[in-house]
N, C-alpha and C. Protein backbone atom coordinates (compact mmCIF):
# COMPACT_ATOMS: atom_id res chain seq x y z
N MET A 1 0.84 -1.19 0.00
CA MET A 1 0.00 0.00 0.00
C MET A 1 0.88 1.25 0.00
N VAL A 2 0.55 2.20 -0.84
CA VAL A 2 1.31 3.45 -0.94
C VAL A 2 0.82 4.41 0.14
N PRO A 3 1.73 4.97 0.92
CA PRO A 3 1.29 5.92 1.96
C PRO A 3 0.70 7.17 1.32
N PRO A 4 -0.25 7.79 1.99
CA PRO A 4 -0.85 9.01 1.43
C PRO A 4 0.20 10.12 1.37
N ARG A 5 0.08 10.95 0.36
CA ARG A 5 1.01 12.07 0.19
C ARG A 5 0.41 13.31 0.85
N TYR A 6 1.32 14.16 1.30
CA TYR A 6 0.89 15.46 1.79
C TYR A 6 0.54 16.32 0.57
N ARG A 7 -0.33 17.29 0.76
CA ARG A 7 -0.77 18.14 -0.34
C ARG A 7 0.41 18.88 -0.98
N TYR A 8 1.37 19.34 -0.16
CA TYR A 8 2.52 20.06 -0.72
C TYR A 8 3.35 19.14 -1.61
N GLU A 9 3.42 17.84 -1.28
CA GLU A 9 4.15 16.89 -2.12
C GLU A 9 3.43 16.72 -3.46
N GLU A 10 2.10 16.63 -3.41
CA GLU A 10 1.32 16.49 -4.64
C GLU A 10 1.51 17.70 -5.55
N ILE A 11 1.54 18.89 -4.96
CA ILE A 11 1.73 20.11 -5.74
C ILE A 11 3.12 20.15 -6.34
N ALA A 12 4.14 19.78 -5.56
CA ALA A 12 5.52 19.75 -6.09
C ALA A 12 5.62 18.77 -7.25
N ILE A 13 4.99 17.61 -7.13
CA ILE A 13 5.01 16.61 -8.20
C ILE A 13 4.29 17.15 -9.43
N ASP A 14 3.15 17.79 -9.22
CA ASP A 14 2.39 18.34 -10.35
C ASP A 14 3.20 19.42 -11.06
N LEU A 15 3.80 20.32 -10.30
CA LEU A 15 4.60 21.39 -10.91
C LEU A 15 5.80 20.80 -11.66
N GLN A 16 6.42 19.77 -11.08
CA GLN A 16 7.56 19.14 -11.75
C GLN A 16 7.12 18.50 -13.07
N LYS A 17 5.95 17.87 -13.08
CA LYS A 17 5.42 17.28 -14.32
C LYS A 17 5.15 18.37 -15.36
N ARG A 18 4.62 19.49 -14.91
CA ARG A 18 4.34 20.61 -15.82
C ARG A 18 5.64 21.19 -16.38
N ILE A 19 6.69 21.25 -15.55
CA ILE A 19 8.00 21.72 -16.00
C ILE A 19 8.59 20.72 -17.00
N ASP A 20 8.57 19.44 -16.62
CA ASP A 20 9.11 18.39 -17.50
C ASP A 20 8.35 18.33 -18.82
N GLY A 21 7.06 18.63 -18.79
CA GLY A 21 6.24 18.58 -19.98
C GLY A 21 6.39 19.80 -20.88
N GLY A 22 7.16 20.79 -20.43
CA GLY A 22 7.43 21.95 -21.27
C GLY A 22 6.51 23.13 -21.05
N GLU A 23 5.55 23.00 -20.12
CA GLU A 23 4.67 24.14 -19.85
C GLU A 23 5.48 25.32 -19.30
N PHE A 24 6.48 24.99 -18.50
CA PHE A 24 7.40 26.00 -17.96
C PHE A 24 8.81 25.60 -18.37
N PRO A 25 9.29 26.09 -19.52
CA PRO A 25 10.63 25.71 -19.99
C PRO A 25 11.73 26.34 -19.14
N PRO A 26 12.97 25.86 -19.30
CA PRO A 26 14.09 26.46 -18.55
C PRO A 26 14.13 27.98 -18.74
N GLY A 27 14.30 28.68 -17.63
CA GLY A 27 14.33 30.14 -17.65
C GLY A 27 12.97 30.78 -17.47
N ALA A 28 11.90 29.98 -17.53
CA ALA A 28 10.55 30.52 -17.37
C ALA A 28 10.27 30.83 -15.91
N ARG A 29 9.45 31.84 -15.72
CA ARG A 29 9.02 32.21 -14.36
C ARG A 29 7.76 31.42 -14.02
N LEU A 30 7.76 30.84 -12.83
CA LEU A 30 6.57 30.12 -12.38
C LEU A 30 5.51 31.13 -11.95
N PRO A 31 4.24 30.70 -11.89
CA PRO A 31 3.20 31.61 -11.40
C PRO A 31 3.54 32.11 -9.99
N SER A 32 3.01 33.26 -9.64
CA SER A 32 3.28 33.83 -8.32
C SER A 32 2.67 32.96 -7.22
N ARG A 33 3.12 33.19 -6.02
CA ARG A 33 2.60 32.45 -4.87
C ARG A 33 1.07 32.61 -4.80
N ARG A 34 0.60 33.84 -4.98
CA ARG A 34 -0.84 34.11 -4.93
C ARG A 34 -1.59 33.31 -5.99
N GLU A 35 -1.03 33.27 -7.22
CA GLU A 35 -1.67 32.52 -8.31
C GLU A 35 -1.71 31.02 -7.99
N LEU A 36 -0.61 30.51 -7.41
CA LEU A 36 -0.56 29.08 -7.08
C LEU A 36 -1.53 28.75 -5.95
N ILE A 37 -1.67 29.65 -4.98
CA ILE A 37 -2.62 29.46 -3.88
C ILE A 37 -4.03 29.33 -4.44
N GLU A 38 -4.37 30.21 -5.39
CA GLU A 38 -5.70 30.17 -5.99
C GLU A 38 -5.88 28.93 -6.86
N GLN A 39 -4.84 28.61 -7.64
CA GLN A 39 -4.91 27.48 -8.57
C GLN A 39 -5.10 26.15 -7.83
N TYR A 40 -4.33 25.95 -6.75
CA TYR A 40 -4.37 24.68 -6.02
C TYR A 40 -5.32 24.71 -4.82
N GLU A 41 -5.88 25.89 -4.54
CA GLU A 41 -6.81 26.06 -3.42
C GLU A 41 -6.22 25.57 -2.09
N VAL A 42 -5.03 26.12 -1.79
CA VAL A 42 -4.34 25.77 -0.55
C VAL A 42 -3.85 27.06 0.12
N THR A 43 -3.21 26.90 1.27
CA THR A 43 -2.69 28.06 2.01
C THR A 43 -1.23 28.35 1.60
N GLU A 44 -0.77 29.51 1.98
CA GLU A 44 0.59 29.95 1.65
C GLU A 44 1.67 28.97 2.12
N PRO A 45 1.60 28.47 3.37
CA PRO A 45 2.65 27.53 3.80
C PRO A 45 2.72 26.26 2.95
N VAL A 46 1.60 25.83 2.41
CA VAL A 46 1.60 24.63 1.56
C VAL A 46 2.38 24.92 0.27
N ILE A 47 2.14 26.07 -0.33
CA ILE A 47 2.86 26.46 -1.55
C ILE A 47 4.35 26.65 -1.23
N ASP A 48 4.65 27.26 -0.10
CA ASP A 48 6.05 27.48 0.28
C ASP A 48 6.80 26.15 0.40
N ARG A 49 6.16 25.15 0.99
CA ARG A 49 6.81 23.84 1.14
C ARG A 49 6.99 23.16 -0.21
N ALA A 50 6.00 23.28 -1.09
CA ALA A 50 6.12 22.69 -2.43
C ALA A 50 7.28 23.34 -3.17
N MET A 51 7.40 24.67 -3.07
CA MET A 51 8.47 25.38 -3.74
C MET A 51 9.84 25.01 -3.16
N LEU A 52 9.87 24.76 -1.86
CA LEU A 52 11.12 24.34 -1.23
C LEU A 52 11.58 23.00 -1.81
N ILE A 53 10.66 22.08 -2.00
CA ILE A 53 11.00 20.77 -2.58
C ILE A 53 11.63 20.96 -3.96
N LEU A 54 11.00 21.79 -4.80
CA LEU A 54 11.53 22.01 -6.14
C LEU A 54 12.91 22.66 -6.11
N ARG A 55 13.10 23.58 -5.16
CA ARG A 55 14.40 24.26 -5.05
C ARG A 55 15.48 23.28 -4.58
N VAL A 56 15.15 22.45 -3.58
CA VAL A 56 16.12 21.49 -3.06
C VAL A 56 16.51 20.46 -4.13
N LYS A 57 15.55 20.11 -4.97
CA LYS A 57 15.83 19.16 -6.07
C LYS A 57 16.63 19.81 -7.19
N GLY A 58 16.82 21.12 -7.12
CA GLY A 58 17.58 21.81 -8.15
C GLY A 58 16.78 22.10 -9.41
N ILE A 59 15.46 22.04 -9.31
CA ILE A 59 14.59 22.27 -10.46
C ILE A 59 14.33 23.76 -10.66
N THR A 60 14.23 24.48 -9.56
CA THR A 60 13.95 25.92 -9.63
C THR A 60 14.98 26.71 -8.85
N GLU A 61 14.99 28.00 -9.09
CA GLU A 61 15.79 28.90 -8.28
C GLU A 61 14.95 30.13 -7.98
N THR A 62 15.11 30.66 -6.79
CA THR A 62 14.34 31.81 -6.37
C THR A 62 15.20 33.05 -6.41
N LEU A 63 14.70 34.07 -7.09
CA LEU A 63 15.37 35.37 -7.10
C LEU A 63 14.57 36.26 -6.16
N SER A 64 15.16 36.59 -5.04
CA SER A 64 14.47 37.33 -4.00
C SER A 64 13.79 38.58 -4.53
N GLY A 65 12.50 38.69 -4.27
CA GLY A 65 11.74 39.84 -4.68
C GLY A 65 11.36 39.86 -6.16
N VAL A 66 11.80 38.85 -6.90
CA VAL A 66 11.55 38.80 -8.34
C VAL A 66 10.61 37.65 -8.69
N GLY A 67 10.94 36.45 -8.21
CA GLY A 67 10.10 35.30 -8.49
C GLY A 67 10.87 34.00 -8.50
N VAL A 68 10.17 32.94 -8.84
CA VAL A 68 10.76 31.60 -8.91
C VAL A 68 10.86 31.22 -10.38
N TYR A 69 12.03 30.78 -10.76
CA TYR A 69 12.30 30.44 -12.16
C TYR A 69 12.76 29.01 -12.30
N VAL A 70 12.43 28.41 -13.46
CA VAL A 70 12.93 27.08 -13.77
C VAL A 70 14.40 27.21 -14.09
N ARG A 71 15.21 26.38 -13.45
CA ARG A 71 16.66 26.44 -13.71
C ARG A 71 16.96 26.00 -15.12
N GLU A 72 18.00 26.58 -15.67
CA GLU A 72 18.48 26.15 -16.98
C GLU A 72 19.03 24.73 -16.82
N ALA A 73 18.81 23.89 -17.84
CA ALA A 73 19.30 22.53 -17.79
C ALA A 73 20.83 22.53 -17.72
N ALA A 74 21.36 21.57 -16.97
CA ALA A 74 22.81 21.46 -16.88
C ALA A 74 23.37 21.04 -18.25
N GLU A 75 24.56 21.50 -18.53
CA GLU A 75 25.18 21.16 -19.81
C GLU A 75 25.39 19.64 -19.88
N GLU A 76 24.97 19.04 -20.97
CA GLU A 76 25.16 17.60 -21.18
C GLU A 76 26.57 17.39 -21.73
N GLU A 77 27.24 16.35 -21.22
CA GLU A 77 28.58 16.08 -21.73
C GLU A 77 28.54 15.01 -22.78
């Protein structure tokens, strides 16, 4: 049996799928925190935790006061 996921994990997975699928290509800015709160119908801390997961995985980078962006793909050797 698969353990239930927390909502922030589900959101991080969904955003990662959207990034991988090309909806948000490298260098693209993700929707604002407010937009994500409305889109997923959750609270600010839930979005913050989802964004932390993406940042720790190296998928996104946060520019303070500017927004969250999809990281450029690492150079393939």
